[in-house]
Protein backbone atom coordinates (compact mmCIF):
# COMPACT_ATOMS: atom_id res chain seq x y z
CA UNK A 1 0.00 0.00 0.00
CA UNK A 2 2.93 2.35 0.57
CA UNK A 3 3.81 2.40 -3.16
CA UNK A 4 0.68 4.50 -3.68
CA UNK A 5 1.87 7.20 -1.31
CA UNK A 6 5.23 8.01 -2.82
CA UNK A 7 6.27 11.67 -2.91
CA UNK A 8 5.77 11.68 -6.68
CA UNK A 9 2.21 10.38 -6.35
CA UNK A 10 1.31 12.92 -3.66
CA UNK A 11 2.80 15.68 -5.82
CA UNK A 12 0.81 14.44 -8.83
CA UNK A 13 -2.43 14.47 -6.82
CA UNK A 14 -1.76 17.96 -5.46
CA UNK A 15 -0.83 19.32 -8.91
CA UNK A 16 -3.98 17.77 -10.42
CA UNK A 17 -6.10 19.32 -7.70
CA UNK A 18 -4.47 22.71 -8.24
CA UNK A 19 -4.96 22.50 -12.03
CA UNK A 20 -8.61 21.59 -11.58
CA UNK A 21 -9.16 24.45 -9.14
CA UNK A 22 -7.39 27.00 -11.34
CA UNK A 23 -9.37 26.05 -14.46
CA UNK A 24 -12.68 26.20 -12.60
CA UNK A 25 -12.00 29.51 -10.86
CA UNK A 26 -10.54 31.04 -14.04
CA UNK A 27 -13.73 30.25 -15.97
CA UNK A 28 -15.85 31.75 -13.22
CA UNK A 29 -13.72 34.89 -13.02
CA UNK A 30 -13.68 35.31 -16.79
CA UNK A 31 -17.45 35.06 -17.13
CA UNK A 32 -18.16 37.19 -14.04
CA UNK A 33 -16.15 40.07 -15.54
CA UNK A 34 -18.26 40.17 -18.70
CA UNK A 35 -20.94 42.85 -18.73
CA UNK A 36 -23.02 40.97 -21.28
CA UNK A 37 -22.45 37.41 -22.35
CA UNK A 38 -21.90 37.11 -26.10
CA UNK A 39 -24.53 34.95 -27.84
CA UNK A 40 -21.94 32.48 -29.14
CA UNK A 41 -20.52 31.96 -25.65
CA UNK A 42 -24.01 31.46 -24.25
CA UNK A 43 -24.80 28.94 -26.99
CA UNK A 44 -21.54 27.09 -26.28
CA UNK A 45 -22.27 26.95 -22.55
CA UNK A 46 -25.81 25.74 -23.23
CA UNK A 47 -24.37 22.86 -25.28
CA UNK A 48 -22.13 21.60 -22.46
CA UNK A 49 -24.75 19.45 -20.61
CA UNK A 50 -25.71 17.61 -23.81
CA UNK A 51 -22.05 17.03 -24.65
CA UNK A 52 -21.30 15.66 -21.18
CA UNK A 53 -24.37 13.42 -21.27
CA UNK A 54 -23.35 12.11 -24.68
CA UNK A 55 -19.84 11.28 -23.51
CA UNK A 56 -21.29 9.32 -20.60
CA UNK A 57 -24.10 7.50 -22.40
CA UNK A 58 -22.68 6.74 -25.86
CA UNK A 59 -19.81 4.45 -24.75
CA UNK A 60 -22.12 2.48 -22.47
CA UNK A 61 -24.68 2.11 -25.25
CA UNK A 62 -22.22 0.92 -27.89
CA UNK A 63 -20.12 -1.25 -25.57
CA UNK A 64 -23.08 -2.73 -23.69
CA UNK A 65 -25.04 -5.78 -24.58
CA UNK A 66 -28.59 -6.13 -25.77
CA UNK A 67 -29.91 -5.62 -22.24
CA UNK A 68 -28.18 -2.26 -21.93
CA UNK A 69 -29.36 -1.13 -25.35
CA UNK A 70 -32.96 -2.08 -24.56
CA UNK A 71 -32.86 -0.37 -21.17
CA UNK A 72 -31.34 2.81 -22.54
CA UNK A 73 -33.83 2.94 -25.40
CA UNK A 74 -36.74 2.42 -23.01
CA UNK A 75 -35.34 5.04 -20.63
CA UNK A 76 -34.98 7.49 -23.50
CA UNK A 77 -38.57 6.99 -24.60
CA UNK A 78 -39.89 7.30 -21.05
CA UNK A 79 -37.63 10.29 -20.40
CA UNK A 80 -39.23 12.16 -23.29
CA UNK A 81 -42.59 12.10 -21.50
CA UNK A 82 -41.89 11.73 -17.76
CA UNK A 83 -39.38 12.92 -15.18
CA UNK A 84 -36.08 11.36 -14.14
CA UNK A 85 -37.33 8.97 -11.43
CA UNK A 86 -39.82 7.09 -13.64
CA UNK A 87 -37.18 7.00 -16.37
CA UNK A 88 -34.68 5.35 -14.01
CA UNK A 89 -37.25 2.88 -12.70
CA UNK A 90 -38.32 1.82 -16.19
CA UNK A 91 -34.66 1.52 -17.24
CA UNK A 92 -33.93 -0.73 -14.27
CA UNK A 93 -37.01 -2.85 -14.89
CA UNK A 94 -36.15 -3.30 -18.56
CA UNK A 95 -32.52 -4.21 -17.90
CA UNK A 96 -33.52 -6.69 -15.18
CA UNK A 97 -36.17 -8.27 -17.39
CA UNK A 98 -33.78 -8.45 -20.35
CA UNK A 99 -31.10 -10.08 -18.22
CA UNK A 100 -33.60 -12.55 -16.83
CA UNK A 101 -35.23 -13.52 -20.15
CA UNK A 102 -32.36 -12.99 -22.62
CA UNK A 103 -29.54 -13.94 -20.35
PDB file of N, CA and C in Angstrom:
ATOM      1  N   UNK A   1       0.819  -1.191   0.000  1.00  0.00           N
ATOM      2  CA  UNK A   1       0.000   0.000   0.000  1.00  0.00           C
ATOM      3  C   UNK A   1       0.865   1.257   0.000  1.00  0.00           C
ATOM      4  N   UNK A   2       2.083   1.165   0.482  1.00  0.00           N
ATOM      5  CA  UNK A   2       2.933   2.347   0.571  1.00  0.00           C
ATOM      6  C   UNK A   2       3.403   2.830  -0.796  1.00  0.00           C
ATOM      7  N   UNK A   3       3.384   1.962  -1.823  1.00  0.00           N
ATOM      8  CA  UNK A   3       3.807   2.398  -3.156  1.00  0.00           C
ATOM      9  C   UNK A   3       2.840   3.411  -3.759  1.00  0.00           C
ATOM     10  N   UNK A   4       1.633   3.516  -3.207  1.00  0.00           N
ATOM     11  CA  UNK A   4       0.679   4.503  -3.681  1.00  0.00           C
ATOM     12  C   UNK A   4       0.929   5.880  -3.070  1.00  0.00           C
ATOM     13  N   UNK A   5       1.646   5.943  -2.002  1.00  0.00           N
ATOM     14  CA  UNK A   5       1.873   7.204  -1.308  1.00  0.00           C
ATOM     15  C   UNK A   5       3.329   7.648  -1.423  1.00  0.00           C
ATOM     16  N   UNK A   6       3.884   7.508  -2.585  1.00  0.00           N
ATOM     17  CA  UNK A   6       5.231   8.010  -2.825  1.00  0.00           C
ATOM     18  C   UNK A   6       5.170   9.525  -2.952  1.00  0.00           C
ATOM     19  N   UNK A   7       6.279  10.205  -2.748  1.00  0.00           N
ATOM     20  CA  UNK A   7       6.266  11.673  -2.907  1.00  0.00           C
ATOM     21  C   UNK A   7       5.815  12.109  -4.312  1.00  0.00           C
ATOM     22  N   UNK A   8       6.180  11.332  -5.322  1.00  0.00           N
ATOM     23  CA  UNK A   8       5.765  11.677  -6.679  1.00  0.00           C
ATOM     24  C   UNK A   8       4.248  11.568  -6.837  1.00  0.00           C
ATOM     25  N   UNK A   9       3.650  10.562  -6.237  1.00  0.00           N
ATOM     26  CA  UNK A   9       2.206  10.378  -6.347  1.00  0.00           C
ATOM     27  C   UNK A   9       1.462  11.484  -5.594  1.00  0.00           C
ATOM     28  N   UNK A  10       1.938  11.839  -4.427  1.00  0.00           N
ATOM     29  CA  UNK A  10       1.311  12.915  -3.663  1.00  0.00           C
ATOM     30  C   UNK A  10       1.432  14.225  -4.430  1.00  0.00           C
ATOM     31  N   UNK A  11       2.607  14.472  -5.020  1.00  0.00           N
ATOM     32  CA  UNK A  11       2.798  15.683  -5.819  1.00  0.00           C
ATOM     33  C   UNK A  11       1.874  15.688  -7.029  1.00  0.00           C
ATOM     34  N   UNK A  12       1.704  14.546  -7.674  1.00  0.00           N
ATOM     35  CA  UNK A  12       0.807  14.438  -8.827  1.00  0.00           C
ATOM     36  C   UNK A  12      -0.637  14.750  -8.428  1.00  0.00           C
ATOM     37  N   UNK A  13      -1.065  14.220  -7.293  1.00  0.00           N
ATOM     38  CA  UNK A  13      -2.427  14.472  -6.820  1.00  0.00           C
ATOM     39  C   UNK A  13      -2.612  15.949  -6.491  1.00  0.00           C
ATOM     40  N   UNK A  14      -1.664  16.546  -5.812  1.00  0.00           N
ATOM     41  CA  UNK A  14      -1.763  17.963  -5.465  1.00  0.00           C
ATOM     42  C   UNK A  14      -1.739  18.853  -6.703  1.00  0.00           C
ATOM     43  N   UNK A  15      -0.894  18.527  -7.676  1.00  0.00           N
ATOM     44  CA  UNK A  15      -0.833  19.320  -8.908  1.00  0.00           C
ATOM     45  C   UNK A  15      -2.135  19.181  -9.708  1.00  0.00           C
ATOM     46  N   UNK A  16      -2.707  17.977  -9.726  1.00  0.00           N
ATOM     47  CA  UNK A  16      -3.979  17.772 -10.421  1.00  0.00           C
ATOM     48  C   UNK A  16      -5.094  18.559  -9.744  1.00  0.00           C
ATOM     49  N   UNK A  17      -5.095  18.551  -8.431  1.00  0.00           N
ATOM     50  CA  UNK A  17      -6.104  19.324  -7.696  1.00  0.00           C
ATOM     51  C   UNK A  17      -5.936  20.815  -7.962  1.00  0.00           C
ATOM     52  N   UNK A  18      -4.715  21.292  -7.975  1.00  0.00           N
ATOM     53  CA  UNK A  18      -4.468  22.710  -8.243  1.00  0.00           C
ATOM     54  C   UNK A  18      -4.887  23.076  -9.663  1.00  0.00           C
ATOM     55  N   UNK A  19      -4.574  22.226 -10.640  1.00  0.00           N
ATOM     56  CA  UNK A  19      -4.956  22.505 -12.026  1.00  0.00           C
ATOM     57  C   UNK A  19      -6.471  22.530 -12.177  1.00  0.00           C
ATOM     58  N   UNK A  20      -7.149  21.611 -11.521  1.00  0.00           N
ATOM     59  CA  UNK A  20      -8.607  21.588 -11.582  1.00  0.00           C
ATOM     60  C   UNK A  20      -9.192  22.846 -10.960  1.00  0.00           C
ATOM     61  N   UNK A  21      -8.664  23.246  -9.811  1.00  0.00           N
ATOM     62  CA  UNK A  21      -9.165  24.447  -9.136  1.00  0.00           C
ATOM     63  C   UNK A  21      -8.920  25.688  -9.990  1.00  0.00           C
ATOM     64  N   UNK A  22      -7.730  25.814 -10.550  1.00  0.00           N
ATOM     65  CA  UNK A  22      -7.393  26.999 -11.342  1.00  0.00           C
ATOM     66  C   UNK A  22      -8.282  27.089 -12.576  1.00  0.00           C
ATOM     67  N   UNK A  23      -8.526  25.988 -13.269  1.00  0.00           N
ATOM     68  CA  UNK A  23      -9.374  26.054 -14.456  1.00  0.00           C
ATOM     69  C   UNK A  23     -10.814  26.398 -14.098  1.00  0.00           C
ATOM     70  N   UNK A  24     -11.298  25.889 -12.997  1.00  0.00           N
ATOM     71  CA  UNK A  24     -12.675  26.203 -12.597  1.00  0.00           C
ATOM     72  C   UNK A  24     -12.813  27.661 -12.162  1.00  0.00           C
ATOM     73  N   UNK A  25     -11.903  28.133 -11.354  1.00  0.00           N
ATOM     74  CA  UNK A  25     -12.003  29.508 -10.863  1.00  0.00           C
ATOM     75  C   UNK A  25     -11.721  30.496 -11.989  1.00  0.00           C
ATOM     76  N   UNK A  26     -10.834  30.141 -12.922  1.00  0.00           N
ATOM     77  CA  UNK A  26     -10.543  31.039 -14.042  1.00  0.00           C
ATOM     78  C   UNK A  26     -11.776  31.210 -14.922  1.00  0.00           C
ATOM     79  N   UNK A  27     -12.503  30.140 -15.181  1.00  0.00           N
ATOM     80  CA  UNK A  27     -13.729  30.247 -15.968  1.00  0.00           C
ATOM     81  C   UNK A  27     -14.759  31.112 -15.270  1.00  0.00           C
ATOM     82  N   UNK A  28     -14.897  30.942 -13.985  1.00  0.00           N
ATOM     83  CA  UNK A  28     -15.848  31.751 -13.221  1.00  0.00           C
ATOM     84  C   UNK A  28     -15.449  33.228 -13.261  1.00  0.00           C
ATOM     85  N   UNK A  29     -14.183  33.502 -13.026  1.00  0.00           N
ATOM     86  CA  UNK A  29     -13.717  34.893 -13.022  1.00  0.00           C
ATOM     87  C   UNK A  29     -13.857  35.531 -14.400  1.00  0.00           C
ATOM     88  N   UNK A  30     -13.570  34.784 -15.437  1.00  0.00           N
ATOM     89  CA  UNK A  30     -13.683  35.314 -16.793  1.00  0.00           C
ATOM     90  C   UNK A  30     -15.124  35.680 -17.115  1.00  0.00           C
ATOM     91  N   UNK A  31     -16.047  34.803 -16.807  1.00  0.00           N
ATOM     92  CA  UNK A  31     -17.450  35.058 -17.126  1.00  0.00           C
ATOM     93  C   UNK A  31     -18.030  36.144 -16.218  1.00  0.00           C
ATOM     94  N   UNK A  32     -17.607  36.184 -14.958  1.00  0.00           N
ATOM     95  CA  UNK A  32     -18.156  37.186 -14.044  1.00  0.00           C
ATOM     96  C   UNK A  32     -17.712  38.603 -14.417  1.00  0.00           C
ATOM     97  N   UNK A  33     -16.633  38.745 -15.148  1.00  0.00           N
ATOM     98  CA  UNK A  33     -16.151  40.071 -15.543  1.00  0.00           C
ATOM     99  C   UNK A  33     -16.827  40.583 -16.814  1.00  0.00           C
ATOM    100  N   UNK A  34     -17.562  39.733 -17.491  1.00  0.00           N
ATOM    101  CA  UNK A  34     -18.260  40.169 -18.698  1.00  0.00           C
ATOM    102  C   UNK A  34     -19.512  40.943 -18.320  1.00  0.00           C
ATOM    103  N   UNK A  35     -19.720  42.083 -18.975  1.00  0.00           N
ATOM    104  CA  UNK A  35     -20.941  42.850 -18.729  1.00  0.00           C
ATOM    105  C   UNK A  35     -22.143  42.151 -19.353  1.00  0.00           C
ATOM    106  N   UNK A  36     -21.966  41.718 -20.584  1.00  0.00           N
ATOM    107  CA  UNK A  36     -23.017  40.973 -21.281  1.00  0.00           C
ATOM    108  C   UNK A  36     -22.366  39.762 -21.929  1.00  0.00           C
ATOM    109  N   UNK A  37     -23.007  38.628 -21.790  1.00  0.00           N
ATOM    110  CA  UNK A  37     -22.453  37.413 -22.353  1.00  0.00           C
ATOM    111  C   UNK A  37     -22.726  37.385 -23.863  1.00  0.00           C
ATOM    112  N   UNK A  38     -21.685  37.191 -24.659  1.00  0.00           N
ATOM    113  CA  UNK A  38     -21.899  37.108 -26.104  1.00  0.00           C
ATOM    114  C   UNK A  38     -22.786  35.908 -26.452  1.00  0.00           C
ATOM    115  N   UNK A  39     -23.612  36.043 -27.481  1.00  0.00           N
ATOM    116  CA  UNK A  39     -24.527  34.951 -27.841  1.00  0.00           C
ATOM    117  C   UNK A  39     -23.815  33.644 -28.171  1.00  0.00           C
ATOM    118  N   UNK A  40     -22.661  33.720 -28.804  1.00  0.00           N
ATOM    119  CA  UNK A  40     -21.938  32.485 -29.141  1.00  0.00           C
ATOM    120  C   UNK A  40     -21.423  31.776 -27.894  1.00  0.00           C
ATOM    121  N   UNK A  41     -20.966  32.549 -26.908  1.00  0.00           N
ATOM    122  CA  UNK A  41     -20.520  31.955 -25.652  1.00  0.00           C
ATOM    123  C   UNK A  41     -21.688  31.326 -24.912  1.00  0.00           C
ATOM    124  N   UNK A  42     -22.821  32.019 -24.901  1.00  0.00           N
ATOM    125  CA  UNK A  42     -24.007  31.465 -24.247  1.00  0.00           C
ATOM    126  C   UNK A  42     -24.461  30.177 -24.930  1.00  0.00           C
ATOM    127  N   UNK A  43     -24.422  30.154 -26.258  1.00  0.00           N
ATOM    128  CA  UNK A  43     -24.796  28.940 -26.991  1.00  0.00           C
ATOM    129  C   UNK A  43     -23.826  27.803 -26.689  1.00  0.00           C
ATOM    130  N   UNK A  44     -22.535  28.124 -26.597  1.00  0.00           N
ATOM    131  CA  UNK A  44     -21.544  27.093 -26.283  1.00  0.00           C
ATOM    132  C   UNK A  44     -21.757  26.535 -24.882  1.00  0.00           C
ATOM    133  N   UNK A  45     -22.038  27.405 -23.919  1.00  0.00           N
ATOM    134  CA  UNK A  45     -22.272  26.945 -22.551  1.00  0.00           C
ATOM    135  C   UNK A  45     -23.568  26.150 -22.435  1.00  0.00           C
ATOM    136  N   UNK A  46     -24.557  26.502 -23.238  1.00  0.00           N
ATOM    137  CA  UNK A  46     -25.805  25.737 -23.228  1.00  0.00           C
ATOM    138  C   UNK A  46     -25.626  24.345 -23.821  1.00  0.00           C
ATOM    139  N   UNK A  47     -24.616  24.156 -24.662  1.00  0.00           N
ATOM    140  CA  UNK A  47     -24.370  22.859 -25.284  1.00  0.00           C
ATOM    141  C   UNK A  47     -23.577  21.917 -24.386  1.00  0.00           C
ATOM    142  N   UNK A  48     -22.983  22.417 -23.319  1.00  0.00           N
ATOM    143  CA  UNK A  48     -22.129  21.595 -22.461  1.00  0.00           C
ATOM    144  C   UNK A  48     -22.882  20.426 -21.818  1.00  0.00           C
ATOM    145  N   UNK A  49     -24.075  20.605 -21.226  1.00  0.00           N
ATOM    146  CA  UNK A  49     -24.747  19.450 -20.608  1.00  0.00           C
ATOM    147  C   UNK A  49     -25.029  18.317 -21.599  1.00  0.00           C
ATOM    148  N   UNK A  50     -25.444  18.658 -22.815  1.00  0.00           N
ATOM    149  CA  UNK A  50     -25.708  17.615 -23.814  1.00  0.00           C
ATOM    150  C   UNK A  50     -24.420  16.901 -24.204  1.00  0.00           C
ATOM    151  N   UNK A  51     -23.328  17.644 -24.300  1.00  0.00           N
ATOM    152  CA  UNK A  51     -22.048  17.030 -24.650  1.00  0.00           C
ATOM    153  C   UNK A  51     -21.566  16.091 -23.549  1.00  0.00           C
ATOM    154  N   UNK A  52     -21.717  16.509 -22.306  1.00  0.00           N
ATOM    155  CA  UNK A  52     -21.296  15.660 -21.184  1.00  0.00           C
ATOM    156  C   UNK A  52     -22.162  14.407 -21.117  1.00  0.00           C
ATOM    157  N   UNK A  53     -23.467  14.569 -21.289  1.00  0.00           N
ATOM    158  CA  UNK A  53     -24.366  13.418 -21.267  1.00  0.00           C
ATOM    159  C   UNK A  53     -24.023  12.439 -22.387  1.00  0.00           C
ATOM    160  N   UNK A  54     -23.717  12.961 -23.551  1.00  0.00           N
ATOM    161  CA  UNK A  54     -23.354  12.106 -24.682  1.00  0.00           C
ATOM    162  C   UNK A  54     -22.079  11.331 -24.395  1.00  0.00           C
ATOM    163  N   UNK A  55     -21.085  11.989 -23.792  1.00  0.00           N
ATOM    164  CA  UNK A  55     -19.839  11.282 -23.508  1.00  0.00           C
ATOM    165  C   UNK A  55     -20.011  10.219 -22.432  1.00  0.00           C
ATOM    166  N   UNK A  56     -21.037  10.345 -21.609  1.00  0.00           N
ATOM    167  CA  UNK A  56     -21.289   9.320 -20.595  1.00  0.00           C
ATOM    168  C   UNK A  56     -22.145   8.176 -21.122  1.00  0.00           C
ATOM    169  N   UNK A  57     -23.123   8.497 -21.968  1.00  0.00           N
ATOM    170  CA  UNK A  57     -24.098   7.502 -22.405  1.00  0.00           C
ATOM    171  C   UNK A  57     -23.630   6.730 -23.628  1.00  0.00           C
ATOM    172  N   UNK A  58     -23.041   7.388 -24.594  1.00  0.00           N
ATOM    173  CA  UNK A  58     -22.685   6.740 -25.858  1.00  0.00           C
ATOM    174  C   UNK A  58     -21.753   5.539 -25.679  1.00  0.00           C
ATOM    175  N   UNK A  59     -20.662   5.643 -24.910  1.00  0.00           N
ATOM    176  CA  UNK A  59     -19.807   4.455 -24.754  1.00  0.00           C
ATOM    177  C   UNK A  59     -20.536   3.278 -24.103  1.00  0.00           C
ATOM    178  N   UNK A  60     -21.374   3.562 -23.118  1.00  0.00           N
ATOM    179  CA  UNK A  60     -22.121   2.478 -22.471  1.00  0.00           C
ATOM    180  C   UNK A  60     -23.096   1.836 -23.446  1.00  0.00           C
ATOM    181  N   UNK A  61     -23.718   2.649 -24.292  1.00  0.00           N
ATOM    182  CA  UNK A  61     -24.677   2.113 -25.255  1.00  0.00           C
ATOM    183  C   UNK A  61     -23.976   1.216 -26.274  1.00  0.00           C
ATOM    184  N   UNK A  62     -22.876   1.687 -26.839  1.00  0.00           N
ATOM    185  CA  UNK A  62     -22.218   0.924 -27.894  1.00  0.00           C
ATOM    186  C   UNK A  62     -21.371  -0.226 -27.374  1.00  0.00           C
ATOM    187  N   UNK A  63     -20.907  -0.155 -26.146  1.00  0.00           N
ATOM    188  CA  UNK A  63     -20.117  -1.246 -25.574  1.00  0.00           C
ATOM    189  C   UNK A  63     -20.983  -2.251 -24.828  1.00  0.00           C
ATOM    190  N   UNK A  64     -22.199  -1.856 -24.467  1.00  0.00           N
ATOM    191  CA  UNK A  64     -23.076  -2.733 -23.695  1.00  0.00           C
ATOM    192  C   UNK A  64     -23.733  -3.791 -24.556  1.00  0.00           C
ATOM    193  N   UNK A  65     -24.342  -4.708 -23.890  1.00  0.00           N
ATOM    194  CA  UNK A  65     -25.041  -5.782 -24.580  1.00  0.00           C
ATOM    195  C   UNK A  65     -26.457  -5.379 -24.946  1.00  0.00           C
ATOM    196  N   UNK A  66     -27.213  -6.373 -25.366  1.00  0.00           N
ATOM    197  CA  UNK A  66     -28.594  -6.131 -25.769  1.00  0.00           C
ATOM    198  C   UNK A  66     -29.421  -5.595 -24.604  1.00  0.00           C
ATOM    199  N   UNK A  67     -29.157  -6.094 -23.405  1.00  0.00           N
ATOM    200  CA  UNK A  67     -29.908  -5.624 -22.242  1.00  0.00           C
ATOM    201  C   UNK A  67     -29.705  -4.134 -21.992  1.00  0.00           C
ATOM    202  N   UNK A  68     -28.477  -3.673 -22.138  1.00  0.00           N
ATOM    203  CA  UNK A  68     -28.184  -2.257 -21.927  1.00  0.00           C
ATOM    204  C   UNK A  68     -28.828  -1.412 -23.023  1.00  0.00           C
ATOM    205  N   UNK A  69     -28.750  -1.874 -24.243  1.00  0.00           N
ATOM    206  CA  UNK A  69     -29.360  -1.129 -25.354  1.00  0.00           C
ATOM    207  C   UNK A  69     -30.876  -1.028 -25.192  1.00  0.00           C
ATOM    208  N   UNK A  70     -31.516  -2.108 -24.788  1.00  0.00           N
ATOM    209  CA  UNK A  70     -32.963  -2.079 -24.561  1.00  0.00           C
ATOM    210  C   UNK A  70     -33.328  -1.139 -23.418  1.00  0.00           C
ATOM    211  N   UNK A  71     -32.573  -1.214 -22.332  1.00  0.00           N
ATOM    212  CA  UNK A  71     -32.863  -0.372 -21.169  1.00  0.00           C
ATOM    213  C   UNK A  71     -32.654   1.102 -21.496  1.00  0.00           C
ATOM    214  N   UNK A  72     -31.589   1.411 -22.197  1.00  0.00           N
ATOM    215  CA  UNK A  72     -31.340   2.813 -22.541  1.00  0.00           C
ATOM    216  C   UNK A  72     -32.380   3.347 -23.523  1.00  0.00           C
ATOM    217  N   UNK A  73     -32.800   2.519 -24.458  1.00  0.00           N
ATOM    218  CA  UNK A  73     -33.832   2.944 -25.401  1.00  0.00           C
ATOM    219  C   UNK A  73     -35.154   3.174 -24.675  1.00  0.00           C
ATOM    220  N   UNK A  74     -35.502   2.255 -23.784  1.00  0.00           N
ATOM    221  CA  UNK A  74     -36.737   2.421 -23.007  1.00  0.00           C
ATOM    222  C   UNK A  74     -36.657   3.654 -22.119  1.00  0.00           C
ATOM    223  N   UNK A  75     -35.504   3.863 -21.483  1.00  0.00           N
ATOM    224  CA  UNK A  75     -35.336   5.036 -20.626  1.00  0.00           C
ATOM    225  C   UNK A  75     -35.428   6.325 -21.437  1.00  0.00           C
ATOM    226  N   UNK A  76     -34.884   6.316 -22.638  1.00  0.00           N
ATOM    227  CA  UNK A  76     -34.984   7.492 -23.497  1.00  0.00           C
ATOM    228  C   UNK A  76     -36.435   7.805 -23.837  1.00  0.00           C
ATOM    229  N   UNK A  77     -37.172   6.778 -24.232  1.00  0.00           N
ATOM    230  CA  UNK A  77     -38.569   6.994 -24.599  1.00  0.00           C
ATOM    231  C   UNK A  77     -39.407   7.462 -23.411  1.00  0.00           C
ATOM    232  N   UNK A  78     -39.170   6.877 -22.249  1.00  0.00           N
ATOM    233  CA  UNK A  78     -39.895   7.302 -21.050  1.00  0.00           C
ATOM    234  C   UNK A  78     -39.458   8.704 -20.636  1.00  0.00           C
ATOM    235  N   UNK A  79     -38.158   8.989 -20.776  1.00  0.00           N
ATOM    236  CA  UNK A  79     -37.634  10.291 -20.401  1.00  0.00           C
ATOM    237  C   UNK A  79     -38.167  11.434 -21.247  1.00  0.00           C
ATOM    238  N   UNK A  80     -38.639  11.126 -22.456  1.00  0.00           N
ATOM    239  CA  UNK A  80     -39.231  12.163 -23.294  1.00  0.00           C
ATOM    240  C   UNK A  80     -40.586  12.615 -22.768  1.00  0.00           C
ATOM    241  N   UNK A  81     -41.244  11.777 -21.985  1.00  0.00           N
ATOM    242  CA  UNK A  81     -42.592  12.097 -21.498  1.00  0.00           C
ATOM    243  C   UNK A  81     -42.659  12.330 -19.995  1.00  0.00           C
ATOM    244  N   UNK A  82     -41.798  11.665 -19.223  1.00  0.00           N
ATOM    245  CA  UNK A  82     -41.886  11.728 -17.764  1.00  0.00           C
ATOM    246  C   UNK A  82     -40.598  12.286 -17.173  1.00  0.00           C
ATOM    247  N   UNK A  83     -40.550  12.379 -15.860  1.00  0.00           N
ATOM    248  CA  UNK A  83     -39.382  12.925 -15.179  1.00  0.00           C
ATOM    249  C   UNK A  83     -38.299  11.855 -14.997  1.00  0.00           C
ATOM    250  N   UNK A  84     -37.253  12.216 -14.267  1.00  0.00           N
ATOM    251  CA  UNK A  84     -36.080  11.357 -14.136  1.00  0.00           C
ATOM    252  C   UNK A  84     -36.347  10.074 -13.342  1.00  0.00           C
ATOM    253  N   UNK A  85     -37.120  10.152 -12.276  1.00  0.00           N
ATOM    254  CA  UNK A  85     -37.334   8.967 -11.432  1.00  0.00           C
ATOM    255  C   UNK A  85     -38.074   7.862 -12.191  1.00  0.00           C
ATOM    256  N   UNK A  86     -39.196   8.153 -12.857  1.00  0.00           N
ATOM    257  CA  UNK A  86     -39.822   7.085 -13.642  1.00  0.00           C
ATOM    258  C   UNK A  86     -38.915   6.557 -14.751  1.00  0.00           C
ATOM    259  N   UNK A  87     -38.105   7.432 -15.329  1.00  0.00           N
ATOM    260  CA  UNK A  87     -37.178   7.003 -16.367  1.00  0.00           C
ATOM    261  C   UNK A  87     -36.173   5.998 -15.809  1.00  0.00           C
ATOM    262  N   UNK A  88     -35.621   6.281 -14.625  1.00  0.00           N
ATOM    263  CA  UNK A  88     -34.676   5.352 -14.007  1.00  0.00           C
ATOM    264  C   UNK A  88     -35.343   4.029 -13.641  1.00  0.00           C
ATOM    265  N   UNK A  89     -36.543   4.108 -13.102  1.00  0.00           N
ATOM    266  CA  UNK A  89     -37.247   2.883 -12.698  1.00  0.00           C
ATOM    267  C   UNK A  89     -37.539   2.006 -13.904  1.00  0.00           C
ATOM    268  N   UNK A  90     -38.039   2.600 -14.977  1.00  0.00           N
ATOM    269  CA  UNK A  90     -38.319   1.822 -16.192  1.00  0.00           C
ATOM    270  C   UNK A  90     -37.028   1.240 -16.759  1.00  0.00           C
ATOM    271  N   UNK A  91     -35.950   2.028 -16.758  1.00  0.00           N
ATOM    272  CA  UNK A  91     -34.660   1.520 -17.237  1.00  0.00           C
ATOM    273  C   UNK A  91     -34.201   0.318 -16.437  1.00  0.00           C
ATOM    274  N   UNK A  92     -34.322   0.404 -15.121  1.00  0.00           N
ATOM    275  CA  UNK A  92     -33.934  -0.726 -14.269  1.00  0.00           C
ATOM    276  C   UNK A  92     -34.804  -1.946 -14.531  1.00  0.00           C
ATOM    277  N   UNK A  93     -36.094  -1.728 -14.639  1.00  0.00           N
ATOM    278  CA  UNK A  93     -37.009  -2.854 -14.888  1.00  0.00           C
ATOM    279  C   UNK A  93     -36.673  -3.524 -16.210  1.00  0.00           C
ATOM    280  N   UNK A  94     -36.448  -2.727 -17.239  1.00  0.00           N
ATOM    281  CA  UNK A  94     -36.154  -3.299 -18.560  1.00  0.00           C
ATOM    282  C   UNK A  94     -34.833  -4.055 -18.546  1.00  0.00           C
ATOM    283  N   UNK A  95     -33.799  -3.501 -17.923  1.00  0.00           N
ATOM    284  CA  UNK A  95     -32.516  -4.207 -17.904  1.00  0.00           C
ATOM    285  C   UNK A  95     -32.617  -5.496 -17.081  1.00  0.00           C
ATOM    286  N   UNK A  96     -33.354  -5.465 -15.975  1.00  0.00           N
ATOM    287  CA  UNK A  96     -33.522  -6.691 -15.179  1.00  0.00           C
ATOM    288  C   UNK A  96     -34.310  -7.746 -15.945  1.00  0.00           C
ATOM    289  N   UNK A  97     -35.384  -7.320 -16.611  1.00  0.00           N
ATOM    290  CA  UNK A  97     -36.173  -8.274 -17.390  1.00  0.00           C
ATOM    291  C   UNK A  97     -35.360  -8.825 -18.551  1.00  0.00           C
ATOM    292  N   UNK A  98     -34.597  -7.969 -19.224  1.00  0.00           N
ATOM    293  CA  UNK A  98     -33.783  -8.446 -20.352  1.00  0.00           C
ATOM    294  C   UNK A  98     -32.712  -9.420 -19.877  1.00  0.00           C
ATOM    295  N   UNK A  99     -32.121  -9.155 -18.741  1.00  0.00           N
ATOM    296  CA  UNK A  99     -31.100 -10.081 -18.221  1.00  0.00           C
ATOM    297  C   UNK A  99     -31.724 -11.393 -17.767  1.00  0.00           C
ATOM    298  N   UNK A 100     -32.950 -11.332 -17.272  1.00  0.00           N
ATOM    299  CA  UNK A 100     -33.601 -12.553 -16.832  1.00  0.00           C
ATOM    300  C   UNK A 100     -34.042 -13.404 -18.035  1.00  0.00           C
ATOM    301  N   UNK A 101     -34.675 -12.762 -19.030  1.00  0.00           N
ATOM    302  CA  UNK A 101     -35.230 -13.515 -20.151  1.00  0.00           C
ATOM    303  C   UNK A 101     -34.231 -13.765 -21.268  1.00  0.00           C
ATOM    304  N   UNK A 102     -33.340 -12.817 -21.525  1.00  0.00           N
ATOM    305  CA  UNK A 102     -32.364 -12.989 -22.618  1.00  0.00           C
ATOM    306  C   UNK A 102     -31.106 -13.673 -22.106  1.00  0.00           C
ATOM    307  N   UNK A 103     -30.696 -13.285 -20.924  1.00  0.00           N
ATOM    308  CA  UNK A 103     -29.538 -13.941 -20.355  1.00  0.00           C
ATOM    309  C   UNK A 103     -28.325 -13.113 -20.233  1.00  0.00           C
TER     310      UNK A 103
END
